[in-house]
Amino acid sequence: MEKCALCGEKLEKTFLEKVVGTSVKVGSGPKSKIVWVCRKCQKENGNLLVEKVKEKVLPA
């Protein structure tokens, strides 16, 4: 089960088994990875979504 990268809540799925939310690619090259963000966090962060995910996911 996928979890939101920002809030940690379980992501819901539609009846076609698609994740309700969005995916964000963080990092570059072979160290890049894709994380999922729930719709609520997506709405709260808007245009700053990618920066917030990078702050939370990537080590400083």
PDB file of N, CA and C in Angstrom:
ATOM      1  N   MET A   1       0.851  -1.182   0.000  1.00  0.00           N
ATOM      2  CA  MET A   1       0.000   0.000   0.000  1.00  0.00           C
ATOM      3  C   MET A   1       0.892   1.239   0.000  1.00  0.00           C
ATOM      4  N   GLU A   2       0.598   2.160  -0.888  1.00  0.00           N
ATOM      5  CA  GLU A   2       1.353   3.400  -0.989  1.00  0.00           C
ATOM      6  C   GLU A   2       0.927   4.370   0.111  1.00  0.00           C
ATOM      7  N   LYS A   3       1.888   5.199   0.549  1.00  0.00           N
ATOM      8  CA  LYS A   3       1.606   6.225   1.538  1.00  0.00           C
ATOM      9  C   LYS A   3       2.062   7.574   1.005  1.00  0.00           C
ATOM     10  N   CYS A   4       1.419   8.628   1.481  1.00  0.00           N
ATOM     11  CA  CYS A   4       1.765   9.987   1.082  1.00  0.00           C
ATOM     12  C   CYS A   4       3.149  10.331   1.620  1.00  0.00           C
ATOM     13  N   ALA A   5       3.986  10.919   0.775  1.00  0.00           N
ATOM     14  CA  ALA A   5       5.347  11.284   1.170  1.00  0.00           C
ATOM     15  C   ALA A   5       5.366  12.432   2.169  1.00  0.00           C
ATOM     16  N   LEU A   6       4.323  13.236   2.220  1.00  0.00           N
ATOM     17  CA  LEU A   6       4.303  14.388   3.119  1.00  0.00           C
ATOM     18  C   LEU A   6       3.610  14.106   4.445  1.00  0.00           C
ATOM     19  N   CYS A   7       2.406  13.550   4.396  1.00  0.00           N
ATOM     20  CA  CYS A   7       1.648  13.356   5.643  1.00  0.00           C
ATOM     21  C   CYS A   7       1.667  11.911   6.140  1.00  0.00           C
ATOM     22  N   GLY A   8       2.016  10.957   5.288  1.00  0.00           N
ATOM     23  CA  GLY A   8       2.113   9.567   5.702  1.00  0.00           C
ATOM     24  C   GLY A   8       0.810   8.786   5.683  1.00  0.00           C
ATOM     25  N   GLU A   9      -0.276   9.403   5.246  1.00  0.00           N
ATOM     26  CA  GLU A   9      -1.559   8.695   5.186  1.00  0.00           C
ATOM     27  C   GLU A   9      -1.576   7.712   4.022  1.00  0.00           C
ATOM     28  N   LYS A  10      -2.342   6.626   4.196  1.00  0.00           N
ATOM     29  CA  LYS A  10      -2.500   5.663   3.108  1.00  0.00           C
ATOM     30  C   LYS A  10      -3.234   6.328   1.958  1.00  0.00           C
ATOM     31  N   LEU A  11      -2.781   6.058   0.741  1.00  0.00           N
ATOM     32  CA  LEU A  11      -3.412   6.631  -0.438  1.00  0.00           C
ATOM     33  C   LEU A  11      -4.577   5.764  -0.867  1.00  0.00           C
ATOM     34  N   GLU A  12      -5.669   6.409  -1.218  1.00  0.00           N
ATOM     35  CA  GLU A  12      -6.845   5.706  -1.702  1.00  0.00           C
ATOM     36  C   GLU A  12      -6.634   5.300  -3.156  1.00  0.00           C
ATOM     37  N   LYS A  13      -7.407   4.296  -3.590  1.00  0.00           N
ATOM     38  CA  LYS A  13      -7.365   3.864  -4.977  1.00  0.00           C
ATOM     39  C   LYS A  13      -8.770   3.882  -5.545  1.00  0.00           C
ATOM     40  N   THR A  14      -8.847   4.105  -6.860  1.00  0.00           N
ATOM     41  CA  THR A  14     -10.139   4.071  -7.533  1.00  0.00           C
ATOM     42  C   THR A  14     -10.515   2.622  -7.786  1.00  0.00           C
ATOM     43  N   PHE A  15     -11.700   2.408  -8.328  1.00  0.00           N
ATOM     44  CA  PHE A  15     -12.125   1.038  -8.611  1.00  0.00           C
ATOM     45  C   PHE A  15     -11.272   0.385  -9.698  1.00  0.00           C
ATOM     46  N   LEU A  16     -10.523   1.162 -10.457  1.00  0.00           N
ATOM     47  CA  LEU A  16      -9.603   0.626 -11.468  1.00  0.00           C
ATOM     48  C   LEU A  16      -8.190   0.465 -10.923  1.00  0.00           C
ATOM     49  N   GLU A  17      -8.047   0.588  -9.589  1.00  0.00           N
ATOM     50  CA  GLU A  17      -6.773   0.427  -8.894  1.00  0.00           C
ATOM     51  C   GLU A  17      -5.753   1.516  -9.218  1.00  0.00           C
ATOM     52  N   LYS A  18      -6.231   2.700  -9.608  1.00  0.00           N
ATOM     53  CA  LYS A  18      -5.343   3.841  -9.819  1.00  0.00           C
ATOM     54  C   LYS A  18      -5.256   4.613  -8.510  1.00  0.00           C
ATOM     55  N   VAL A  19      -4.077   5.142  -8.219  1.00  0.00           N
ATOM     56  CA  VAL A  19      -3.856   5.889  -6.989  1.00  0.00           C
ATOM     57  C   VAL A  19      -4.505   7.261  -7.110  1.00  0.00           C
ATOM     58  N   VAL A  20      -5.204   7.681  -6.043  1.00  0.00           N
ATOM     59  CA  VAL A  20      -5.816   9.005  -5.994  1.00  0.00           C
ATOM     60  C   VAL A  20      -4.777   9.949  -5.407  1.00  0.00           C
ATOM     61  N   GLY A  21      -4.180  10.758  -6.259  1.00  0.00           N
ATOM     62  CA  GLY A  21      -3.128  11.677  -5.861  1.00  0.00           C
ATOM     63  C   GLY A  21      -2.204  11.898  -7.042  1.00  0.00           C
ATOM     64  N   THR A  22      -0.970  12.253  -6.755  1.00  0.00           N
ATOM     65  CA  THR A  22      -0.017  12.497  -7.828  1.00  0.00           C
ATOM     66  C   THR A  22       1.337  11.916  -7.471  1.00  0.00           C
ATOM     67  N   SER A  23       2.130  11.657  -8.487  1.00  0.00           N
ATOM     68  CA  SER A  23       3.488  11.170  -8.266  1.00  0.00           C
ATOM     69  C   SER A  23       4.461  12.317  -8.504  1.00  0.00           C
ATOM     70  N   VAL A  24       5.554  12.326  -7.726  1.00  0.00           N
ATOM     71  CA  VAL A  24       6.567  13.362  -7.845  1.00  0.00           C
ATOM     72  C   VAL A  24       7.922  12.667  -7.942  1.00  0.00           C
ATOM     73  N   LYS A  25       8.698  13.040  -8.964  1.00  0.00           N
ATOM     74  CA  LYS A  25      10.037  12.478  -9.130  1.00  0.00           C
ATOM     75  C   LYS A  25      11.018  13.373  -8.382  1.00  0.00           C
ATOM     76  N   VAL A  26      11.791  12.770  -7.485  1.00  0.00           N
ATOM     77  CA  VAL A  26      12.795  13.518  -6.733  1.00  0.00           C
ATOM     78  C   VAL A  26      14.164  12.938  -7.032  1.00  0.00           C
ATOM     79  N   GLY A  27      15.158  13.788  -7.039  1.00  0.00           N
ATOM     80  CA  GLY A  27      16.506  13.360  -7.346  1.00  0.00           C
ATOM     81  C   GLY A  27      16.735  13.339  -8.846  1.00  0.00           C
ATOM     82  N   SER A  28      17.947  12.931  -9.213  1.00  0.00           N
ATOM     83  CA  SER A  28      18.266  12.848 -10.634  1.00  0.00           C
ATOM     84  C   SER A  28      19.214  11.682 -10.862  1.00  0.00           C
ATOM     85  N   GLY A  29      19.218  11.201 -12.068  1.00  0.00           N
ATOM     86  CA  GLY A  29      20.092  10.085 -12.423  1.00  0.00           C
ATOM     87  C   GLY A  29      19.668   8.797 -11.757  1.00  0.00           C
ATOM     88  N   PRO A  30      20.644   7.930 -11.464  1.00  0.00           N
ATOM     89  CA  PRO A  30      20.313   6.622 -10.888  1.00  0.00           C
ATOM     90  C   PRO A  30      19.769   6.688  -9.458  1.00  0.00           C
ATOM     91  N   LYS A  31      19.936   7.808  -8.788  1.00  0.00           N
ATOM     92  CA  LYS A  31      19.444   7.941  -7.412  1.00  0.00           C
ATOM     93  C   LYS A  31      18.039   8.529  -7.354  1.00  0.00           C
ATOM     94  N   SER A  32      17.434   8.792  -8.507  1.00  0.00           N
ATOM     95  CA  SER A  32      16.092   9.372  -8.507  1.00  0.00           C
ATOM     96  C   SER A  32      15.066   8.325  -8.107  1.00  0.00           C
ATOM     97  N   LYS A  33      13.960   8.805  -7.567  1.00  0.00           N
ATOM     98  CA  LYS A  33      12.869   7.905  -7.221  1.00  0.00           C
ATOM     99  C   LYS A  33      11.551   8.656  -7.327  1.00  0.00           C
ATOM    100  N   ILE A  34      10.487   7.900  -7.434  1.00  0.00           N
ATOM    101  CA  ILE A  34       9.156   8.476  -7.548  1.00  0.00           C
ATOM    102  C   ILE A  34       8.412   8.226  -6.240  1.00  0.00           C
ATOM    103  N   VAL A  35       7.851   9.296  -5.682  1.00  0.00           N
ATOM    104  CA  VAL A  35       7.069   9.193  -4.450  1.00  0.00           C
ATOM    105  C   VAL A  35       5.660   9.679  -4.744  1.00  0.00           C
ATOM    106  N   TRP A  36       4.709   9.272  -3.920  1.00  0.00           N
ATOM    107  CA  TRP A  36       3.304   9.626  -4.100  1.00  0.00           C
ATOM    108  C   TRP A  36       2.883  10.656  -3.076  1.00  0.00           C
ATOM    109  N   VAL A  37       1.982  11.544  -3.495  1.00  0.00           N
ATOM    110  CA  VAL A  37       1.450  12.586  -2.617  1.00  0.00           C
ATOM    111  C   VAL A  37      -0.073  12.540  -2.713  1.00  0.00           C
ATOM    112  N   CYS A  38      -0.746  12.583  -1.574  1.00  0.00           N
ATOM    113  CA  CYS A  38      -2.211  12.528  -1.566  1.00  0.00           C
ATOM    114  C   CYS A  38      -2.798  13.827  -2.107  1.00  0.00           C
ATOM    115  N   ARG A  39      -4.056  13.766  -2.466  1.00  0.00           N
ATOM    116  CA  ARG A  39      -4.739  14.916  -3.063  1.00  0.00           C
ATOM    117  C   ARG A  39      -4.814  16.091  -2.087  1.00  0.00           C
ATOM    118  N   LYS A  40      -4.984  15.815  -0.796  1.00  0.00           N
ATOM    119  CA  LYS A  40      -5.072  16.882   0.210  1.00  0.00           C
ATOM    120  C   LYS A  40      -3.761  17.675   0.290  1.00  0.00           C
ATOM    121  N   CYS A  41      -2.637  16.970   0.366  1.00  0.00           N
ATOM    122  CA  CYS A  41      -1.332  17.635   0.426  1.00  0.00           C
ATOM    123  C   CYS A  41      -1.030  18.356  -0.887  1.00  0.00           C
ATOM    124  N   GLN A  42      -1.477  17.783  -1.984  1.00  0.00           N
ATOM    125  CA  GLN A  42      -1.283  18.396  -3.290  1.00  0.00           C
ATOM    126  C   GLN A  42      -1.998  19.752  -3.338  1.00  0.00           C
ATOM    127  N   LYS A  43      -3.218  19.809  -2.822  1.00  0.00           N
ATOM    128  CA  LYS A  43      -3.981  21.062  -2.817  1.00  0.00           C
ATOM    129  C   LYS A  43      -3.365  22.077  -1.858  1.00  0.00           C
ATOM    130  N   GLU A  44      -2.911  21.620  -0.681  1.00  0.00           N
ATOM    131  CA  GLU A  44      -2.352  22.525   0.322  1.00  0.00           C
ATOM    132  C   GLU A  44      -1.059  23.181  -0.148  1.00  0.00           C
ATOM    133  N   ASN A  45      -0.215  22.438  -0.870  1.00  0.00           N
ATOM    134  CA  ASN A  45       1.102  22.943  -1.243  1.00  0.00           C
ATOM    135  C   ASN A  45       1.151  23.581  -2.620  1.00  0.00           C
ATOM    136  N   GLY A  46       0.214  23.291  -3.485  1.00  0.00           N
ATOM    137  CA  GLY A  46       0.115  23.938  -4.786  1.00  0.00           C
ATOM    138  C   GLY A  46       1.409  23.929  -5.577  1.00  0.00           C
ATOM    139  N   ASN A  47       1.872  25.122  -5.951  1.00  0.00           N
ATOM    140  CA  ASN A  47       3.071  25.246  -6.779  1.00  0.00           C
ATOM    141  C   ASN A  47       4.352  24.877  -6.041  1.00  0.00           C
ATOM    142  N   LEU A  48       4.320  24.812  -4.726  1.00  0.00           N
ATOM    143  CA  LEU A  48       5.508  24.482  -3.945  1.00  0.00           C
ATOM    144  C   LEU A  48       5.612  22.995  -3.635  1.00  0.00           C
ATOM    145  N   LEU A  49       4.781  22.183  -4.254  1.00  0.00           N
ATOM    146  CA  LEU A  49       4.714  20.753  -3.949  1.00  0.00           C
ATOM    147  C   LEU A  49       6.060  20.061  -4.130  1.00  0.00           C
ATOM    148  N   VAL A  50       6.714  20.273  -5.249  1.00  0.00           N
ATOM    149  CA  VAL A  50       7.976  19.588  -5.535  1.00  0.00           C
ATOM    150  C   VAL A  50       9.037  19.972  -4.509  1.00  0.00           C
ATOM    151  N   GLU A  51       9.124  21.251  -4.148  1.00  0.00           N
ATOM    152  CA  GLU A  51      10.116  21.696  -3.166  1.00  0.00           C
ATOM    153  C   GLU A  51       9.856  21.081  -1.794  1.00  0.00           C
ATOM    154  N   LYS A  52       8.575  21.035  -1.399  1.00  0.00           N
ATOM    155  CA  LYS A  52       8.223  20.449  -0.092  1.00  0.00           C
ATOM    156  C   LYS A  52       8.566  18.953  -0.051  1.00  0.00           C
ATOM    157  N   VAL A  53       8.294  18.240  -1.139  1.00  0.00           N
ATOM    158  CA  VAL A  53       8.604  16.812  -1.183  1.00  0.00           C
ATOM    159  C   VAL A  53      10.108  16.591  -1.125  1.00  0.00           C
ATOM    160  N   LYS A  54      10.872  17.404  -1.850  1.00  0.00           N
ATOM    161  CA  LYS A  54      12.328  17.268  -1.837  1.00  0.00           C
ATOM    162  C   LYS A  54      12.886  17.506  -0.449  1.00  0.00           C
ATOM    163  N   GLU A  55      12.362  18.522   0.263  1.00  0.00           N
ATOM    164  CA  GLU A  55      12.808  18.802   1.632  1.00  0.00           C
ATOM    165  C   GLU A  55      12.562  17.606   2.543  1.00  0.00           C
ATOM    166  N   LYS A  56      11.423  16.968   2.386  1.00  0.00           N
ATOM    167  CA  LYS A  56      11.025  15.886   3.274  1.00  0.00           C
ATOM    168  C   LYS A  56      11.711  14.561   2.931  1.00  0.00           C
ATOM    169  N   VAL A  57      11.885  14.273   1.618  1.00  0.00           N
ATOM    170  CA  VAL A  57      12.350  12.962   1.173  1.00  0.00           C
ATOM    171  C   VAL A  57      13.864  12.878   1.075  1.00  0.00           C
ATOM    172  N   LEU A  58      14.486  13.883   0.490  1.00  0.00           N
ATOM    173  CA  LEU A  58      15.930  13.839   0.275  1.00  0.00           C
ATOM    174  C   LEU A  58      16.678  14.227   1.538  1.00  0.00           C
ATOM    175  N   PRO A  59      17.731  13.502   1.878  1.00  0.00           N
ATOM    176  CA  PRO A  59      18.523  13.867   3.064  1.00  0.00           C
ATOM    177  C   PRO A  59      19.272  15.171   2.829  1.00  0.00           C
ATOM    178  N   ALA A  60      19.466  15.907   3.891  1.00  0.00           N
ATOM    179  CA  ALA A  60      20.134  17.220   3.784  1.00  0.00           C
ATOM    180  C   ALA A  60      21.614  17.103   3.533  1.00  0.00           C
TER     181      ALA A  60
END
